[in-house]
C-alpha cells in the first residue's frame, strides 16, 4: 500500500500533537563513527534529493536518509554508528510544506509539516528565523532539530505573513506572530 503523508488540514489538533510525540529518530547526535566517505548525494535548495546525479523519488527512501542526517561544524553528514558520509546541501535540507494554526495571538500554536513528514510545533525548540535572499525577499526558515533547518515554501511563507500582518496591524515593531508562547518577528 503506498504511503500517504499526514496532511495537517485533515487532522485535529490532538491528532497532530500525538503525531509529534510519536516521532522517533535515531540518536545521530550521540554517534561517533570512525570512518567517513562521500555519499555522492546532494539536496537542492528546493528540497529535492539526488544520488550520483539521479533524483531520488521514493519518499520512503528520502525519509530514511533524512532521519540519519546531521549537521556538524564541517558540513552535513549521513550518520550511522559506524560510518558518516558527507552530503552536499545547497541551502538547507528540508522545506516546510504545510502549516496549521490553533488559537490567536499569544495563545496561538502553529504546527508545520516538512517535505520529509517531520511534524513540529513552532516555539522555543523550533524557532522561525528570517533570511534576506539576493532578490530582496524575506524568507522564513524553521529550526527543525539540532541545527537542521527547513525553508518555507512560498505558500507556507505567505500563510505565515498573512497571520503576522493581521496580528501586527497596530504594532510599530513590524510584522510578527506568536506560537507556543514565543514571539517571532517576520520583518527586519
C-alpha atoms as a PDB file:
ATOM      1  CA  UNK A   1       0.000   0.000   0.000  1.00  0.00           C
ATOM      2  CA  UNK A   2       1.529   3.382  -0.963  1.00  0.00           C
ATOM      3  CA  UNK A   3       2.459   5.814   1.771  1.00  0.00           C
ATOM      4  CA  UNK A   4       0.174   8.813   2.210  1.00  0.00           C
ATOM      5  CA  UNK A   5       1.673  11.781   4.083  1.00  0.00           C
ATOM      6  CA  UNK A   6      -0.296  13.068   7.076  1.00  0.00           C
ATOM      7  CA  UNK A   7      -1.856  16.273   5.735  1.00  0.00           C
ATOM      8  CA  UNK A   8      -2.306  18.613   8.667  1.00  0.00           C
ATOM      9  CA  UNK A   9      -5.516  20.186   7.408  1.00  0.00           C
ATOM     10  CA  UNK A  10      -7.227  16.757   7.655  1.00  0.00           C
ATOM     11  CA  UNK A  11      -6.186  16.211  11.293  1.00  0.00           C
ATOM     12  CA  UNK A  12      -7.479  17.531  14.591  1.00  0.00           C
ATOM     13  CA  UNK A  13      -5.024  19.372  16.844  1.00  0.00           C
ATOM     14  CA  UNK A  14      -4.946  16.488  19.307  1.00  0.00           C
ATOM     15  CA  UNK A  15      -4.074  14.090  16.437  1.00  0.00           C
ATOM     16  CA  UNK A  16      -1.274  16.439  15.338  1.00  0.00           C
ATOM     17  CA  UNK A  17       0.062  16.645  18.901  1.00  0.00           C
ATOM     18  CA  UNK A  18       0.010  12.845  19.126  1.00  0.00           C
ATOM     19  CA  UNK A  19       1.936  12.534  15.838  1.00  0.00           C
ATOM     20  CA  UNK A  20       4.637  14.923  17.067  1.00  0.00           C
ATOM     21  CA  UNK A  21       5.017  12.854  20.259  1.00  0.00           C
ATOM     22  CA  UNK A  22       5.347   9.577  18.307  1.00  0.00           C
ATOM     23  CA  UNK A  23       8.134  10.743  16.013  1.00  0.00           C
ATOM     24  CA  UNK A  24      11.202   8.739  16.919  1.00  0.00           C
ATOM     25  CA  UNK A  25      14.522   9.468  15.271  1.00  0.00           C
ATOM     26  CA  UNK A  26      17.827   7.633  15.630  1.00  0.00           C
ATOM     27  CA  UNK A  27      20.222   9.279  18.122  1.00  0.00           C
ATOM     28  CA  UNK A  28      22.596  10.516  15.388  1.00  0.00           C
ATOM     29  CA  UNK A  29      23.912  13.277  17.668  1.00  0.00           C
ATOM     30  CA  UNK A  30      25.302  10.623  20.034  1.00  0.00           C
ATOM     31  CA  UNK A  31      27.038   8.503  17.413  1.00  0.00           C
ATOM     32  CA  UNK A  32      30.797   8.898  16.906  1.00  0.00           C
ATOM     33  CA  UNK A  33      31.635   6.941  13.737  1.00  0.00           C
ATOM     34  CA  UNK A  34      35.294   6.290  12.992  1.00  0.00           C
ATOM     35  CA  UNK A  35      35.049   6.063   9.191  1.00  0.00           C
ATOM     36  CA  UNK A  36      33.930   8.686   6.702  1.00  0.00           C
ATOM     37  CA  UNK A  37      33.276   8.757   2.972  1.00  0.00           C
ATOM     38  CA  UNK A  38      31.308  10.625   0.314  1.00  0.00           C
ATOM     39  CA  UNK A  39      27.651   9.669  -0.107  1.00  0.00           C
ATOM     40  CA  UNK A  40      27.568  11.184  -3.612  1.00  0.00           C
ATOM     41  CA  UNK A  41      24.307  12.765  -2.534  1.00  0.00           C
ATOM     42  CA  UNK A  42      23.048  16.316  -2.883  1.00  0.00           C
ATOM     43  CA  UNK A  43      19.979  18.156  -1.593  1.00  0.00           C
ATOM     44  CA  UNK A  44      18.932  21.028  -3.830  1.00  0.00           C
ATOM     45  CA  UNK A  45      17.556  24.295  -2.463  1.00  0.00           C
ATOM     46  CA  UNK A  46      14.032  23.202  -3.439  1.00  0.00           C
ATOM     47  CA  UNK A  47      14.300  20.094  -1.204  1.00  0.00           C
ATOM     48  CA  UNK A  48      14.891  17.523  -3.967  1.00  0.00           C
ATOM     49  CA  UNK A  49      17.364  14.760  -3.135  1.00  0.00           C
ATOM     50  CA  UNK A  50      19.851  13.364  -5.670  1.00  0.00           C
ATOM     51  CA  UNK A  51      22.305  10.471  -5.638  1.00  0.00           C
ATOM     52  CA  UNK A  52      25.118  10.258  -8.183  1.00  0.00           C
ATOM     53  CA  UNK A  53      23.284  12.700 -10.471  1.00  0.00           C
ATOM     54  CA  UNK A  54      19.881  10.973 -10.410  1.00  0.00           C
ATOM     55  CA  UNK A  55      16.911  12.222  -8.439  1.00  0.00           C
ATOM     56  CA  UNK A  56      15.712  10.058  -5.561  1.00  0.00           C
ATOM     57  CA  UNK A  57      11.949   9.904  -5.996  1.00  0.00           C
ATOM     58  CA  UNK A  58      10.938   7.306  -3.403  1.00  0.00           C
ATOM     59  CA  UNK A  59       9.717   9.333  -0.447  1.00  0.00           C
ATOM     60  CA  UNK A  60      10.271   6.437   1.956  1.00  0.00           C
ATOM     61  CA  UNK A  61      13.952   6.412   0.973  1.00  0.00           C
ATOM     62  CA  UNK A  62      14.255  10.178   1.401  1.00  0.00           C
ATOM     63  CA  UNK A  63      12.609   9.965   4.842  1.00  0.00           C
ATOM     64  CA  UNK A  64      15.019   7.186   5.845  1.00  0.00           C
ATOM     65  CA  UNK A  65      18.060   9.216   4.754  1.00  0.00           C
ATOM     66  CA  UNK A  66      16.664  12.362   6.422  1.00  0.00           C
ATOM     67  CA  UNK A  67      16.423  10.516   9.742  1.00  0.00           C
ATOM     68  CA  UNK A  68      20.196   9.911   9.564  1.00  0.00           C
ATOM     69  CA  UNK A  69      21.098  13.495   8.657  1.00  0.00           C
ATOM     70  CA  UNK A  70      23.298  15.527  10.975  1.00  0.00           C
ATOM     71  CA  UNK A  71      24.920  18.949  10.693  1.00  0.00           C
ATOM     72  CA  UNK A  72      28.403  19.324  12.146  1.00  0.00           C
ATOM     73  CA  UNK A  73      30.832  22.246  12.046  1.00  0.00           C
ATOM     74  CA  UNK A  74      32.383  20.755   8.906  1.00  0.00           C
ATOM     75  CA  UNK A  75      29.144  20.177   6.978  1.00  0.00           C
ATOM     76  CA  UNK A  76      26.231  17.815   6.583  1.00  0.00           C
ATOM     77  CA  UNK A  77      26.543  14.082   7.124  1.00  0.00           C
ATOM     78  CA  UNK A  78      24.505  10.895   6.854  1.00  0.00           C
ATOM     79  CA  UNK A  79      25.463   9.107  10.048  1.00  0.00           C
ATOM     80  CA  UNK A  80      25.376   5.536  11.347  1.00  0.00           C
ATOM     81  CA  UNK A  81      27.169   4.269  14.449  1.00  0.00           C
ATOM     82  CA  UNK A  82      29.994   3.002  12.195  1.00  0.00           C
ATOM     83  CA  UNK A  83      30.358   5.482   9.344  1.00  0.00           C
ATOM     84  CA  UNK A  84      29.474   9.000   8.295  1.00  0.00           C
ATOM     85  CA  UNK A  85      29.062  10.066   4.696  1.00  0.00           C
ATOM     86  CA  UNK A  86      29.236  13.644   3.515  1.00  0.00           C
ATOM     87  CA  UNK A  87      26.223  15.093   1.723  1.00  0.00           C
ATOM     88  CA  UNK A  88      26.056  18.393  -0.167  1.00  0.00           C
ATOM     89  CA  UNK A  89      23.213  20.680   0.871  1.00  0.00           C
ATOM     90  CA  UNK A  90      22.713  23.707  -1.368  1.00  0.00           C
ATOM     91  CA  UNK A  91      20.693  25.756   1.131  1.00  0.00           C
ATOM     92  CA  UNK A  92      19.019  23.794   3.935  1.00  0.00           C
ATOM     93  CA  UNK A  93      17.998  20.124   3.887  1.00  0.00           C
ATOM     94  CA  UNK A  94      14.238  20.479   4.322  1.00  0.00           C
ATOM     95  CA  UNK A  95      11.280  22.531   3.152  1.00  0.00           C
ATOM     96  CA  UNK A  96       8.241  23.433   5.266  1.00  0.00           C
ATOM     97  CA  UNK A  97       5.332  22.407   3.054  1.00  0.00           C
ATOM     98  CA  UNK A  98       2.252  22.809   5.256  1.00  0.00           C
ATOM     99  CA  UNK A  99       1.103  24.652   8.360  1.00  0.00           C
ATOM    100  CA  UNK A 100      -1.921  24.639  10.611  1.00  0.00           C
ATOM    101  CA  UNK A 101      -2.785  27.080  13.409  1.00  0.00           C
ATOM    102  CA  UNK A 102      -4.780  26.791  16.588  1.00  0.00           C
ATOM    103  CA  UNK A 103      -5.742  29.832  18.679  1.00  0.00           C
ATOM    104  CA  UNK A 104      -4.887  33.507  18.290  1.00  0.00           C
ATOM    105  CA  UNK A 105      -2.230  35.929  19.488  1.00  0.00           C
ATOM    106  CA  UNK A 106      -0.236  34.739  22.497  1.00  0.00           C
ATOM    107  CA  UNK A 107      -2.454  31.646  22.685  1.00  0.00           C
ATOM    108  CA  UNK A 108      -1.621  30.523  19.120  1.00  0.00           C
ATOM    109  CA  UNK A 109       0.136  27.273  18.288  1.00  0.00           C
ATOM    110  CA  UNK A 110       1.498  26.714  14.788  1.00  0.00           C
ATOM    111  CA  UNK A 111       2.209  23.196  13.534  1.00  0.00           C
ATOM    112  CA  UNK A 112       4.412  22.601  10.479  1.00  0.00           C
ATOM    113  CA  UNK A 113       4.992  19.585   8.255  1.00  0.00           C
ATOM    114  CA  UNK A 114       8.204  19.246   6.254  1.00  0.00           C
ATOM    115  CA  UNK A 115       8.796  17.584   2.903  1.00  0.00           C
ATOM    116  CA  UNK A 116      10.038  14.509   4.821  1.00  0.00           C
ATOM    117  CA  UNK A 117       6.910  14.483   7.008  1.00  0.00           C
ATOM    118  CA  UNK A 118       8.501  15.738  10.209  1.00  0.00           C
ATOM    119  CA  UNK A 119       5.750  17.473  12.163  1.00  0.00           C
ATOM    120  CA  UNK A 120       6.907  20.171  14.537  1.00  0.00           C
ATOM    121  CA  UNK A 121       5.408  22.823  16.779  1.00  0.00           C
ATOM    122  CA  UNK A 122       6.785  26.325  16.216  1.00  0.00           C
ATOM    123  CA  UNK A 123       8.110  27.559  19.555  1.00  0.00           C
ATOM    124  CA  UNK A 124      11.227  27.633  21.726  1.00  0.00           C
ATOM    125  CA  UNK A 125      12.809  24.487  20.201  1.00  0.00           C
ATOM    126  CA  UNK A 126      11.578  25.072  16.651  1.00  0.00           C
ATOM    127  CA  UNK A 127      12.017  28.773  16.037  1.00  0.00           C
ATOM    128  CA  UNK A 128      11.408  30.917  12.966  1.00  0.00           C
ATOM    129  CA  UNK A 129      14.233  32.998  11.538  1.00  0.00           C
ATOM    130  CA  UNK A 130      14.092  35.326   8.553  1.00  0.00           C
ATOM    131  CA  UNK A 131      16.768  35.447   5.872  1.00  0.00           C
ATOM    132  CA  UNK A 132      17.007  38.001   3.097  1.00  0.00           C
ATOM    133  CA  UNK A 133      17.542  36.425  -0.308  1.00  0.00           C
ATOM    134  CA  UNK A 134      19.569  38.039  -3.080  1.00  0.00           C
ATOM    135  CA  UNK A 135      16.416  39.318  -4.781  1.00  0.00           C
ATOM    136  CA  UNK A 136      15.443  41.236  -1.609  1.00  0.00           C
ATOM    137  CA  UNK A 137      12.641  38.911  -0.479  1.00  0.00           C
ATOM    138  CA  UNK A 138      12.446  37.782   3.147  1.00  0.00           C
ATOM    139  CA  UNK A 139      12.198  34.004   3.520  1.00  0.00           C
ATOM    140  CA  UNK A 140      11.153  32.281   6.776  1.00  0.00           C
ATOM    141  CA  UNK A 141      13.299  29.339   7.897  1.00  0.00           C
ATOM    142  CA  UNK A 142      12.326  26.922  10.662  1.00  0.00           C
ATOM    143  CA  UNK A 143      14.728  25.161  13.032  1.00  0.00           C
ATOM    144  CA  UNK A 144      13.661  21.507  12.771  1.00  0.00           C
ATOM    145  CA  UNK A 145      16.191  19.776  15.027  1.00  0.00           C
ATOM    146  CA  UNK A 146      19.830  20.072  16.064  1.00  0.00           C
ATOM    147  CA  UNK A 147      20.658  22.867  13.624  1.00  0.00           C
ATOM    148  CA  UNK A 148      18.831  21.283  10.677  1.00  0.00           C
ATOM    149  CA  UNK A 149      16.592  23.870   9.036  1.00  0.00           C
ATOM    150  CA  UNK A 150      13.620  23.959   6.699  1.00  0.00           C
ATOM    151  CA  UNK A 151      12.975  26.764   4.222  1.00  0.00           C
ATOM    152  CA  UNK A 152       9.302  27.666   3.974  1.00  0.00           C
ATOM    153  CA  UNK A 153       7.738  27.069   0.584  1.00  0.00           C
ATOM    154  CA  UNK A 154       6.175  30.130  -0.987  1.00  0.00           C
ATOM    155  CA  UNK A 155       2.630  29.120   0.064  1.00  0.00           C
ATOM    156  CA  UNK A 156       3.683  28.466   3.689  1.00  0.00           C
ATOM    157  CA  UNK A 157       5.616  31.755   3.800  1.00  0.00           C
ATOM    158  CA  UNK A 158       2.520  33.611   2.524  1.00  0.00           C
ATOM    159  CA  UNK A 159       0.391  31.954   5.203  1.00  0.00           C
ATOM    160  CA  UNK A 160       2.870  32.991   7.920  1.00  0.00           C
ATOM    161  CA  UNK A 161       2.987  36.563   6.622  1.00  0.00           C
ATOM    162  CA  UNK A 162      -0.821  36.712   6.406  1.00  0.00           C
ATOM    163  CA  UNK A 163      -1.040  35.710  10.080  1.00  0.00           C
ATOM    164  CA  UNK A 164       1.727  38.154  11.005  1.00  0.00           C
ATOM    165  CA  UNK A 165       0.214  41.077   9.075  1.00  0.00           C
ATOM    166  CA  UNK A 166      -3.195  40.507  10.642  1.00  0.00           C
ATOM    167  CA  UNK A 167      -1.690  40.201  14.124  1.00  0.00           C
ATOM    168  CA  UNK A 168       0.620  43.203  13.733  1.00  0.00           C
ATOM    169  CA  UNK A 169      -1.842  45.737  12.282  1.00  0.00           C
ATOM    170  CA  UNK A 170      -1.466  48.066  15.259  1.00  0.00           C
ATOM    171  CA  UNK A 171       2.187  47.293  16.021  1.00  0.00           C
ATOM    172  CA  UNK A 172       5.077  49.679  15.451  1.00  0.00           C
ATOM    173  CA  UNK A 173       7.509  46.730  15.684  1.00  0.00           C
ATOM    174  CA  UNK A 174       6.805  45.432  12.180  1.00  0.00           C
ATOM    175  CA  UNK A 175       5.303  42.099  11.239  1.00  0.00           C
ATOM    176  CA  UNK A 176       5.392  39.211  13.682  1.00  0.00           C
ATOM    177  CA  UNK A 177       3.388  36.404  15.211  1.00  0.00           C
ATOM    178  CA  UNK A 178       3.095  34.198  18.277  1.00  0.00           C
ATOM    179  CA  UNK A 179       3.356  30.421  18.562  1.00  0.00           C
ATOM    180  CA  UNK A 180       3.640  28.255  21.650  1.00  0.00           C
ATOM    181  CA  UNK A 181       4.389  31.237  23.895  1.00  0.00           C
ATOM    182  CA  UNK A 182       7.152  32.711  21.679  1.00  0.00           C
ATOM    183  CA  UNK A 183       7.022  35.819  19.522  1.00  0.00           C
ATOM    184  CA  UNK A 184       8.716  35.708  16.107  1.00  0.00           C
ATOM    185  CA  UNK A 185       9.441  38.797  14.008  1.00  0.00           C
ATOM    186  CA  UNK A 186       8.829  38.274  10.317  1.00  0.00           C
ATOM    187  CA  UNK A 187      10.234  41.627   9.225  1.00  0.00           C
ATOM    188  CA  UNK A 188      13.665  43.171   9.599  1.00  0.00           C
END
